[in-house]
């Protein structure tokens, strides 16, 4: 019979299972459907914005969005994230200068032609005014491993997946608060750890400028995939005709916004 390992007091993830009652409010069907549709329609209006107003926004909106992101599920509940909120103009300018240098090199020699062609319709280039115009720039860092005060280390698992979910909640919360965002991933991003003074166990994951759109902001005329192209239903009333064949169910008639 396998032995039960003793709890390591240095590790905040190590401990015995202690269940507590689940707090859950079950909605009536009508309310659930209404809230589902309202959220779907609101998120369908979300657009990636590259031209920001310099107008300030209430900091509590940023704080609430980060708090929402931090509710995301994560591997072993390690919560392997740090969100650095930058509003200092000098620091934003330093981040922009470093990002533009890396982007210039990428556009000139690092990116293959296929990638450049994919970006062409988005209107992107190596000039990153959003990093200084937006009143806030949120930099999400992924913690590759835990480091305790005594130097004890322990690997985090499913870090990329955990960060992706958390950043999705961050973007949704900011949009629901009436703010515009951009997901920016300069490559490489190591300069962010240096400029922002983050420890070696943290790796830059995503840069999110946040604010109000500039009055003359434009967005590319692109479309999102139709729901029928992303939803596959496997249910008893719709058995697959053959193994490996995609089956579409009730999602065939669901409405879907097509704007990107």
Foldseek 3Di string as FASTA:
>chain_A
DDDDDDFDPQDPLGDDDDDDDDDDDDDDPVVVVVVVVVLQVLVLPADAFQAFALDDDDVVLLVVLLVQLQVFDFFSSPSFKDKDKDQPLVLLVVLLVVLLVLQQCCVVPVPDPVVVVVCVLFPDGSHRCLSRRFRIKIWMKGQQWDQGPVRDIDGGPPRVVSNVSSVVSSCSSLSVVVKHKHKDCRPPDVVVCVSVVHDPRIHTDTMIRMGHGDPPIDGGAFWADQQQVVDFDDDPVFHDPDPPDGHDDPSVPDDHGTGD
